[in-house]
C-alpha atoms as a PDB file:
ATOM      1  CA  MET A   1     125.684 101.555 111.737  1.00  0.00           C
ATOM      2  CA  PRO A   2     125.914  98.446 109.564  1.00  0.00           C
ATOM      3  CA  SER A   3     126.586  99.012 105.884  1.00  0.00           C
ATOM      4  CA  LYS A   4     123.773  96.702 104.793  1.00  0.00           C
ATOM      5  CA  MET A   5     120.452  96.526 106.595  1.00  0.00           C
ATOM      6  CA  ALA A   6     118.322  93.428 106.611  1.00  0.00           C
ATOM      7  CA  GLN A   7     114.782  93.521 105.292  1.00  0.00           C
ATOM      8  CA  PRO A   8     112.323  94.609 108.017  1.00  0.00           C
ATOM      9  CA  PRO A   9     110.185  92.081 109.855  1.00  0.00           C
ATOM     10  CA  PRO A  10     106.676  91.559 108.407  1.00  0.00           C
ATOM     11  CA  VAL A  11     105.149  93.707 111.168  1.00  0.00           C
ATOM     12  CA  LEU A  12     106.471  96.910 112.774  1.00  0.00           C
ATOM     13  CA  ASP A  13     104.532  98.584 115.597  1.00  0.00           C
ATOM     14  CA  HIS A  14     101.344  96.635 114.791  1.00  0.00           C
ATOM     15  CA  CYS A  15     101.590  97.588 111.107  1.00  0.00           C
ATOM     16  CA  ARG A  16     101.897  95.179 108.198  1.00  0.00           C
ATOM     17  CA  VAL A  17     104.944  96.363 106.260  1.00  0.00           C
ATOM     18  CA  LEU A  18     104.055  96.990 102.614  1.00  0.00           C
ATOM     19  CA  GLU A  19     107.239  98.669 101.392  1.00  0.00           C
ATOM     20  CA  TYR A  20     110.533  99.832 102.812  1.00  0.00           C
ATOM     21  CA  ALA A  21     113.524 101.961 101.854  1.00  0.00           C
ATOM     22  CA  VAL A  22     116.988 101.777 103.379  1.00  0.00           C
ATOM     23  CA  LEU A  23     118.328 105.336 103.468  1.00  0.00           C
ATOM     24  CA  ALA A  24     121.700 105.065 105.164  1.00  0.00           C
ATOM     25  CA  GLY A  25     124.249 106.697 102.893  1.00  0.00           C
ATOM     26  CA  LYS A  26     121.981 106.610  99.822  1.00  0.00           C
ATOM     27  CA  VAL A  27     119.926 109.801 100.146  1.00  0.00           C
ATOM     28  CA  LYS A  28     120.343 113.040 102.062  1.00  0.00           C
ATOM     29  CA  TYR A  29     118.044 114.279 104.780  1.00  0.00           C
ATOM     30  CA  SER A  30     116.373 117.606 103.875  1.00  0.00           C
ATOM     31  CA  GLY A  31     116.924 118.978 107.370  1.00  0.00           C
ATOM     32  CA  HIS A  32     113.316 118.899 108.557  1.00  0.00           C
ATOM     33  CA  SER A  33     110.909 116.064 109.191  1.00  0.00           C
ATOM     34  CA  ASN A  34     108.215 118.042 111.047  1.00  0.00           C
ATOM     35  CA  LEU A  35     107.944 114.975 113.308  1.00  0.00           C
ATOM     36  CA  PHE A  36     108.502 115.556 116.997  1.00  0.00           C
ATOM     37  CA  PHE A  37     109.176 113.281 119.955  1.00  0.00           C
ATOM     38  CA  ASP A  38     109.538 114.672 123.487  1.00  0.00           C
ATOM     39  CA  GLY A  39     109.565 118.188 122.068  1.00  0.00           C
ATOM     40  CA  LYS A  40     112.499 117.509 119.730  1.00  0.00           C
ATOM     41  CA  GLU A  41     112.306 117.117 115.979  1.00  0.00           C
ATOM     42  CA  VAL A  42     113.138 113.615 114.805  1.00  0.00           C
ATOM     43  CA  GLY A  43     116.241 113.899 112.665  1.00  0.00           C
ATOM     44  CA  PRO A  44     117.583 111.626 109.951  1.00  0.00           C
ATOM     45  CA  VAL A  45     116.839 107.919 110.214  1.00  0.00           C
ATOM     46  CA  ALA A  46     118.386 104.819 108.651  1.00  0.00           C
ATOM     47  CA  ALA A  47     115.224 103.536 106.980  1.00  0.00           C
ATOM     48  CA  LEU A  48     111.574 104.155 106.217  1.00  0.00           C
ATOM     49  CA  ALA A  49     108.725 101.689 105.997  1.00  0.00           C
ATOM     50  CA  ILE A  50     105.200 102.097 104.724  1.00  0.00           C
ATOM     51  CA  GLY A  51     102.806 100.048 106.755  1.00  0.00           C
ATOM     52  CA  LYS A  52      99.121  99.583 107.362  1.00  0.00           C
ATOM     53  CA  PRO A  53      97.877  98.986 110.896  1.00  0.00           C
ATOM     54  CA  MET A  54      96.352  95.537 111.284  1.00  0.00           C
ATOM     55  CA  ASP A  55      92.990  97.121 112.185  1.00  0.00           C
ATOM     56  CA  SER A  56      92.962 100.104 109.787  1.00  0.00           C
ATOM     57  CA  HIS A  57      93.392 101.100 106.156  1.00  0.00           C
ATOM     58  CA  GLU A  58      95.298 104.353 106.702  1.00  0.00           C
ATOM     59  CA  PRO A  59      98.921 103.954 105.606  1.00  0.00           C
ATOM     60  CA  LEU A  60     101.689 105.107 107.893  1.00  0.00           C
ATOM     61  CA  VAL A  61     105.292 106.060 107.247  1.00  0.00           C
ATOM     62  CA  LEU A  62     107.450 104.550 109.968  1.00  0.00           C
ATOM     63  CA  HIS A  63     110.808 106.254 110.495  1.00  0.00           C
ATOM     64  CA  CYS A  64     113.185 103.538 111.740  1.00  0.00           C
ATOM     65  CA  ASP A  65     116.695 103.117 113.069  1.00  0.00           C
ATOM     66  CA  HIS A  66     119.176 100.536 111.700  1.00  0.00           C
ATOM     67  CA  ARG A  67     117.487  97.769 113.744  1.00  0.00           C
ATOM     68  CA  TRP A  68     114.011  98.655 112.452  1.00  0.00           C
ATOM     69  CA  ALA A  69     112.998 100.157 115.794  1.00  0.00           C
ATOM     70  CA  VAL A  70     110.371 102.786 115.016  1.00  0.00           C
ATOM     71  CA  GLN A  71     111.472 106.318 115.947  1.00  0.00           C
ATOM     72  CA  ALA A  72     108.471 108.263 114.591  1.00  0.00           C
ATOM     73  CA  VAL A  73     105.233 107.653 112.713  1.00  0.00           C
ATOM     74  CA  ALA A  74     103.142 109.796 110.376  1.00  0.00           C
ATOM     75  CA  GLY A  75      99.742 108.883 108.897  1.00  0.00           C
ATOM     76  CA  PHE A  76      98.485 109.650 105.396  1.00  0.00           C
ATOM     77  CA  PRO A  77      95.263 109.133 103.411  1.00  0.00           C
ATOM     78  CA  SER A  78      97.062 107.070 100.756  1.00  0.00           C
ATOM     79  CA  VAL A  79     100.354 105.307 100.016  1.00  0.00           C
ATOM     80  CA  ARG A  80     100.966 107.830  97.220  1.00  0.00           C
ATOM     81  CA  GLU A  81     100.709 110.745  99.668  1.00  0.00           C
ATOM     82  CA  ALA A  82     102.949 108.905 102.150  1.00  0.00           C
ATOM     83  CA  LYS A  83     105.625 108.494  99.479  1.00  0.00           C
ATOM     84  CA  THR A  84     105.278 112.129  98.378  1.00  0.00           C
ATOM     85  CA  ARG A  85     105.894 113.321 101.940  1.00  0.00           C
ATOM     86  CA  ALA A  86     108.848 110.936 102.357  1.00  0.00           C
ATOM     87  CA  GLU A  87     110.345 112.334  99.131  1.00  0.00           C
ATOM     88  CA  ARG A  88     110.195 115.867 100.583  1.00  0.00           C
ATOM     89  CA  ILE A  89     112.066 114.753 103.690  1.00  0.00           C
ATOM     90  CA  TYR A  90     114.510 112.457 101.845  1.00  0.00           C
ATOM     91  CA  PRO A  91     114.897 113.646  98.228  1.00  0.00           C
ATOM     92  CA  GLY A  92     115.627 110.657  96.001  1.00  0.00           C
ATOM     93  CA  VAL A  93     113.963 108.047  98.240  1.00  0.00           C
ATOM     94  CA  SER A  94     111.384 107.276  95.545  1.00  0.00           C
ATOM     95  CA  VAL A  95     113.848 104.971  93.723  1.00  0.00           C
ATOM     96  CA  LEU A  96     114.670 103.042  96.908  1.00  0.00           C
ATOM     97  CA  TRP A  97     111.224 101.676  97.797  1.00  0.00           C
ATOM     98  CA  ARG A  98     111.045  97.863  97.862  1.00  0.00           C
ATOM     99  CA  ARG A  99     107.819  95.871  98.146  1.00  0.00           C
ATOM    100  CA  THR A 100     107.737  93.218 100.840  1.00  0.00           C
ATOM    101  CA  GLY A 101     104.930  91.012  99.569  1.00  0.00           C
ATOM    102  CA  VAL A 102     103.648  90.636 103.151  1.00  0.00           C
ATOM    103  CA  SER A 103      99.977  89.668 102.991  1.00  0.00           C
ATOM    104  CA  LYS A 104      97.561  90.063 105.883  1.00  0.00           C
ATOM    105  CA  ALA A 105      97.760  86.293 106.387  1.00  0.00           C
ATOM    106  CA  LYS A 106     101.590  86.368 106.571  1.00  0.00           C
ATOM    107  CA  ALA A 107     101.470  89.266 109.029  1.00  0.00           C
ATOM    108  CA  GLU A 108      98.925  87.434 111.219  1.00  0.00           C
ATOM    109  CA  ALA A 109     101.049  84.261 111.133  1.00  0.00           C
ATOM    110  CA  TYR A 110     104.126  86.274 112.152  1.00  0.00           C
ATOM    111  CA  LEU A 111     102.226  87.830 115.078  1.00  0.00           C
ATOM    112  CA  ALA A 112     100.876  84.426 116.133  1.00  0.00           C
ATOM    113  CA  ARG A 113     104.466  83.077 116.278  1.00  0.00           C
ATOM    114  CA  MET A 114     105.711  86.182 118.071  1.00  0.00           C
ATOM    115  CA  TRP A 115     103.028  86.002 120.786  1.00  0.00           C
ATOM    116  CA  LYS A 116     102.852  82.191 121.045  1.00  0.00           C
ATOM    117  CA  GLY A 117     102.071  81.128 124.608  1.00  0.00           C
ATOM    118  CA  MET A 118     101.027  84.630 125.682  1.00  0.00           C
ATOM    119  CA  THR A 119      97.432  84.694 124.433  1.00  0.00           C
ATOM    120  CA  CYS A 120      94.245  84.916 126.475  1.00  0.00           C
ATOM    121  CA  SER A 121      93.303  81.442 127.672  1.00  0.00           C
ATOM    122  CA  PHE A 122      89.615  82.175 127.089  1.00  0.00           C
ATOM    123  CA  CYS A 123      89.354  83.976 123.735  1.00  0.00           C
ATOM    124  CA  GLY A 124      92.835  83.537 122.223  1.00  0.00           C
ATOM    125  CA  ARG A 125      93.511  87.251 121.709  1.00  0.00           C
ATOM    126  CA  ARG A 126      97.147  88.302 121.530  1.00  0.00           C
ATOM    127  CA  PRO A 127      98.682  91.032 123.708  1.00  0.00           C
ATOM    128  CA  ASP A 128      98.814  93.342 120.676  1.00  0.00           C
ATOM    129  CA  GLN A 129      95.017  93.077 120.322  1.00  0.00           C
ATOM    130  CA  ILE A 130      94.104  94.140 123.856  1.00  0.00           C
ATOM    131  CA  LYS A 131      94.989  96.693 126.537  1.00  0.00           C
ATOM    132  CA  ASN A 132      95.796  94.427 129.497  1.00  0.00           C
ATOM    133  CA  MET A 133      96.444  90.780 130.259  1.00  0.00           C
ATOM    134  CA  ILE A 134      96.251  89.213 133.715  1.00  0.00           C
ATOM    135  CA  GLY A 135      98.208  86.059 134.402  1.00  0.00           C
ATOM    136  CA  GLU A 136     101.599  84.477 134.779  1.00  0.00           C
ATOM    137  CA  ARG A 137     104.087  83.578 132.105  1.00  0.00           C
ATOM    138  CA  GLY A 138     104.811  79.912 131.639  1.00  0.00           C
ATOM    139  CA  LYS A 139     103.585  76.833 129.852  1.00  0.00           C
ATOM    140  CA  ARG A 140     100.715  75.974 132.186  1.00  0.00           C
ATOM    141  CA  SER A 141      99.696  79.501 133.100  1.00  0.00           C
ATOM    142  CA  VAL A 142      96.210  80.820 132.618  1.00  0.00           C
ATOM    143  CA  ARG A 143      95.854  84.316 131.225  1.00  0.00           C
ATOM    144  CA  ILE A 144      92.775  86.474 130.777  1.00  0.00           C
ATOM    145  CA  CYS A 145      92.496  89.676 128.759  1.00  0.00           C
ATOM    146  CA  ASP A 146      90.682  92.842 129.772  1.00  0.00           C
ATOM    147  CA  ILE A 147      87.969  92.181 127.167  1.00  0.00           C
ATOM    148  CA  CYS A 148      87.104  88.781 128.666  1.00  0.00           C
ATOM    149  CA  VAL A 149      87.182  90.226 132.201  1.00  0.00           C
ATOM    150  CA  ARG A 150      84.713  92.927 131.096  1.00  0.00           C
ATOM    151  CA  GLU A 151      82.473  90.376 129.346  1.00  0.00           C
ATOM    152  CA  PHE A 152      82.518  88.021 132.362  1.00  0.00           C
ATOM    153  CA  HIS A 153      81.732  90.959 134.671  1.00  0.00           C
ATOM    154  CA  GLU A 154      78.747  91.918 132.505  1.00  0.00           C
ATOM    155  CA  GLU A 155      77.514  88.291 132.603  1.00  0.00           C
ATOM    156  CA  LEU A 156      77.759  88.210 136.393  1.00  0.00           C
ATOM    157  CA  ASP A 157      75.941  91.538 136.732  1.00  0.00           C
ATOM    158  CA  ALA A 158      73.102  90.479 134.397  1.00  0.00           C
END
């Protein structure tokens, strides 16, 4: 694991990153996260991030590896409660939190760059805003999202 982690990207798992804390070697893991994946408790991680989903107000604590890949997620009613729970799992983390300054506009711009060329040709929605996309990859490809397909189907049935 690298000794110094980079700041996280503006968006992790469809969440705008508000704050983050790099844990590696700075705080000890309490021994229990009460977060499970595939029936196994998620153990210590390299970093935590507090994020808000792009379409929600409920803050999440994202438990991340050294590359900011999300290993587990837990939701909370407030950022304060999210930090309180993180402190129970990683005593001392409260002094490590760093604000990112990522606004909704910055997060949207980041997602627009990330998904450039892969949006629905009809409505402009990104893959992270829909369930399915039909179409080929490439500069001159036409893509259509499941929402537009449903809307066009309703128009034809009317």
